[in-house]
Amino acid sequence: MGFWSDEEAQVSIEMIIVAAALIAVAVVFISQLQNTAEKGKKALEKSTDKAFDEIADIK
């Protein structure tokens, strides 16, 4: 019986390592998405401000 409990413990440790790696990858991916969204937000603000300035100059 000792052999089986050691093997189950090994599998559990491996599952924890795999889960931790997946969580780390997800955190990195989410961080990159947030940075991309922030850059897009800034670009959109610039374009919007420029468009509104041109509209204001029409009068």
N, C-alpha and C. Protein backbone atom coordinates (compact mmCIF):
# COMPACT_ATOMS: atom_id res chain seq x y z
N MET A 1 0.81 -1.19 0.00
CA MET A 1 0.00 0.00 0.00
C MET A 1 0.86 1.27 0.00
N GLY A 2 2.04 1.22 0.58
CA GLY A 2 2.89 2.39 0.65
C GLY A 2 3.26 2.90 -0.73
N PHE A 3 3.45 2.00 -1.67
CA PHE A 3 3.80 2.40 -3.03
C PHE A 3 2.69 3.24 -3.65
N TRP A 4 1.45 2.83 -3.49
CA TRP A 4 0.34 3.55 -4.11
C TRP A 4 0.16 4.95 -3.51
N SER A 5 0.31 5.07 -2.23
CA SER A 5 0.12 6.39 -1.62
C SER A 5 1.24 7.34 -2.04
N ASP A 6 2.45 6.83 -2.22
CA ASP A 6 3.54 7.68 -2.70
C ASP A 6 3.27 8.14 -4.13
N GLU A 7 2.76 7.24 -4.95
CA GLU A 7 2.48 7.59 -6.34
C GLU A 7 1.35 8.62 -6.42
N GLU A 8 0.33 8.47 -5.59
CA GLU A 8 -0.76 9.44 -5.59
C GLU A 8 -0.26 10.81 -5.13
N ALA A 9 0.62 10.82 -4.16
CA ALA A 9 1.19 12.08 -3.69
C ALA A 9 2.01 12.73 -4.79
N GLN A 10 2.75 11.93 -5.54
CA GLN A 10 3.55 12.45 -6.65
C GLN A 10 2.64 13.06 -7.72
N VAL A 11 1.56 12.40 -8.02
CA VAL A 11 0.62 12.92 -9.01
C VAL A 11 0.03 14.23 -8.52
N SER A 12 -0.31 14.30 -7.26
CA SER A 12 -0.89 15.53 -6.71
C SER A 12 0.11 16.69 -6.80
N ILE A 13 1.36 16.43 -6.49
CA ILE A 13 2.38 17.47 -6.58
C ILE A 13 2.53 17.93 -8.03
N GLU A 14 2.53 16.99 -8.96
CA GLU A 14 2.65 17.34 -10.37
C GLU A 14 1.45 18.16 -10.83
N MET A 15 0.27 17.82 -10.36
CA MET A 15 -0.93 18.58 -10.72
C MET A 15 -0.86 20.00 -10.17
N ILE A 16 -0.34 20.14 -8.96
CA ILE A 16 -0.20 21.47 -8.36
C ILE A 16 0.79 22.30 -9.17
N ILE A 17 1.89 21.70 -9.60
CA ILE A 17 2.88 22.42 -10.41
C ILE A 17 2.28 22.84 -11.74
N VAL A 18 1.54 21.95 -12.38
CA VAL A 18 0.91 22.28 -13.67
C VAL A 18 -0.12 23.39 -13.47
N ALA A 19 -0.91 23.32 -12.43
CA ALA A 19 -1.91 24.36 -12.16
C ALA A 19 -1.23 25.70 -11.91
N ALA A 20 -0.15 25.71 -11.16
CA ALA A 20 0.58 26.95 -10.88
C ALA A 20 1.15 27.54 -12.17
N ALA A 21 1.66 26.68 -13.04
CA ALA A 21 2.20 27.16 -14.32
C ALA A 21 1.09 27.77 -15.17
N LEU A 22 -0.06 27.13 -15.21
CA LEU A 22 -1.18 27.66 -15.99
C LEU A 22 -1.66 29.00 -15.43
N ILE A 23 -1.70 29.12 -14.14
CA ILE A 23 -2.10 30.40 -13.52
C ILE A 23 -1.09 31.48 -13.85
N ALA A 24 0.20 31.15 -13.82
CA ALA A 24 1.24 32.13 -14.15
C ALA A 24 1.10 32.59 -15.59
N VAL A 25 0.86 31.67 -16.51
CA VAL A 25 0.68 32.03 -17.92
C VAL A 25 -0.55 32.92 -18.07
N ALA A 26 -1.63 32.60 -17.38
CA ALA A 26 -2.84 33.40 -17.46
C ALA A 26 -2.60 34.82 -16.94
N VAL A 27 -1.85 34.95 -15.86
CA VAL A 27 -1.56 36.28 -15.31
C VAL A 27 -0.74 37.10 -16.30
N VAL A 28 0.25 36.49 -16.93
CA VAL A 28 1.06 37.20 -17.92
C VAL A 28 0.19 37.62 -19.10
N PHE A 29 -0.66 36.72 -19.57
CA PHE A 29 -1.54 37.01 -20.71
C PHE A 29 -2.48 38.17 -20.38
N ILE A 30 -3.07 38.14 -19.21
CA ILE A 30 -3.99 39.20 -18.80
C ILE A 30 -3.26 40.54 -18.68
N SER A 31 -2.05 40.51 -18.15
CA SER A 31 -1.26 41.74 -18.04
C SER A 31 -0.98 42.34 -19.41
N GLN A 32 -0.64 41.49 -20.37
CA GLN A 32 -0.38 41.97 -21.72
C GLN A 32 -1.64 42.54 -22.35
N LEU A 33 -2.78 41.90 -22.11
CA LEU A 33 -4.04 42.42 -22.64
C LEU A 33 -4.36 43.79 -22.04
N GLN A 34 -4.11 43.95 -20.75
CA GLN A 34 -4.36 45.23 -20.11
C GLN A 34 -3.46 46.32 -20.68
N ASN A 35 -2.20 46.00 -20.93
CA ASN A 35 -1.28 46.98 -21.52
C ASN A 35 -1.72 47.36 -22.93
N THR A 36 -2.14 46.38 -23.70
CA THR A 36 -2.62 46.65 -25.05
C THR A 36 -3.86 47.51 -25.03
N ALA A 37 -4.77 47.22 -24.11
CA ALA A 37 -5.99 48.01 -24.00
C ALA A 37 -5.67 49.45 -23.60
N GLU A 38 -4.72 49.63 -22.73
CA GLU A 38 -4.32 50.98 -22.30
C GLU A 38 -3.74 51.77 -23.47
N LYS A 39 -2.91 51.12 -24.28
CA LYS A 39 -2.34 51.79 -25.46
C LYS A 39 -3.45 52.15 -26.44
N GLY A 40 -4.38 51.24 -26.64
CA GLY A 40 -5.51 51.52 -27.54
C GLY A 40 -6.36 52.66 -27.03
N LYS A 41 -6.56 52.72 -25.74
CA LYS A 41 -7.34 53.80 -25.12
C LYS A 41 -6.69 55.15 -25.39
N LYS A 42 -5.38 55.20 -25.21
CA LYS A 42 -4.66 56.46 -25.43
C LYS A 42 -4.73 56.89 -26.89
N ALA A 43 -4.58 55.93 -27.81
CA ALA A 43 -4.65 56.25 -29.24
C ALA A 43 -6.05 56.74 -29.61
N LEU A 44 -7.07 56.11 -29.05
CA LEU A 44 -8.45 56.52 -29.33
C LEU A 44 -8.73 57.90 -28.77
N GLU A 45 -8.22 58.19 -27.59
CA GLU A 45 -8.40 59.53 -27.01
C GLU A 45 -7.77 60.60 -27.89
N LYS A 46 -6.57 60.31 -28.40
CA LYS A 46 -5.90 61.27 -29.28
C LYS A 46 -6.74 61.53 -30.53
N SER A 47 -7.19 60.44 -31.15
CA SER A 47 -7.98 60.57 -32.37
C SER A 47 -9.28 61.32 -32.12
N THR A 48 -9.91 61.02 -31.02
CA THR A 48 -11.18 61.67 -30.68
C THR A 48 -10.97 63.15 -30.42
N ASP A 49 -9.93 63.48 -29.66
CA ASP A 49 -9.64 64.89 -29.38
C ASP A 49 -9.35 65.65 -30.67
N LYS A 50 -8.58 65.03 -31.55
CA LYS A 50 -8.25 65.68 -32.82
C LYS A 50 -9.51 65.90 -33.65
N ALA A 51 -10.39 64.90 -33.70
CA ALA A 51 -11.62 65.04 -34.46
C ALA A 51 -12.51 66.14 -33.89
N PHE A 52 -12.64 66.20 -32.58
CA PHE A 52 -13.47 67.23 -31.96
C PHE A 52 -12.86 68.63 -32.16
N ASP A 53 -11.54 68.72 -32.15
CA ASP A 53 -10.89 70.00 -32.42
C ASP A 53 -11.17 70.46 -33.84
N GLU A 54 -11.14 69.55 -34.79
CA GLU A 54 -11.42 69.90 -36.18
C GLU A 54 -12.89 70.30 -36.34
N ILE A 55 -13.78 69.62 -35.64
CA ILE A 55 -15.21 69.99 -35.70
C ILE A 55 -15.41 71.38 -35.11
N ALA A 56 -14.73 71.66 -34.01
CA ALA A 56 -14.86 72.96 -33.37
C ALA A 56 -14.32 74.07 -34.28
N ASP A 57 -13.32 73.78 -35.08
CA ASP A 57 -12.75 74.78 -35.99
C ASP A 57 -13.64 75.06 -37.18
N ILE A 58 -14.61 74.21 -37.46
CA ILE A 58 -15.49 74.41 -38.62
C ILE A 58 -16.35 75.65 -38.44
N LYS A 59 -16.77 75.96 -37.24
CA LYS A 59 -17.66 77.11 -37.00
C LYS A 59 -17.02 78.35 -37.39
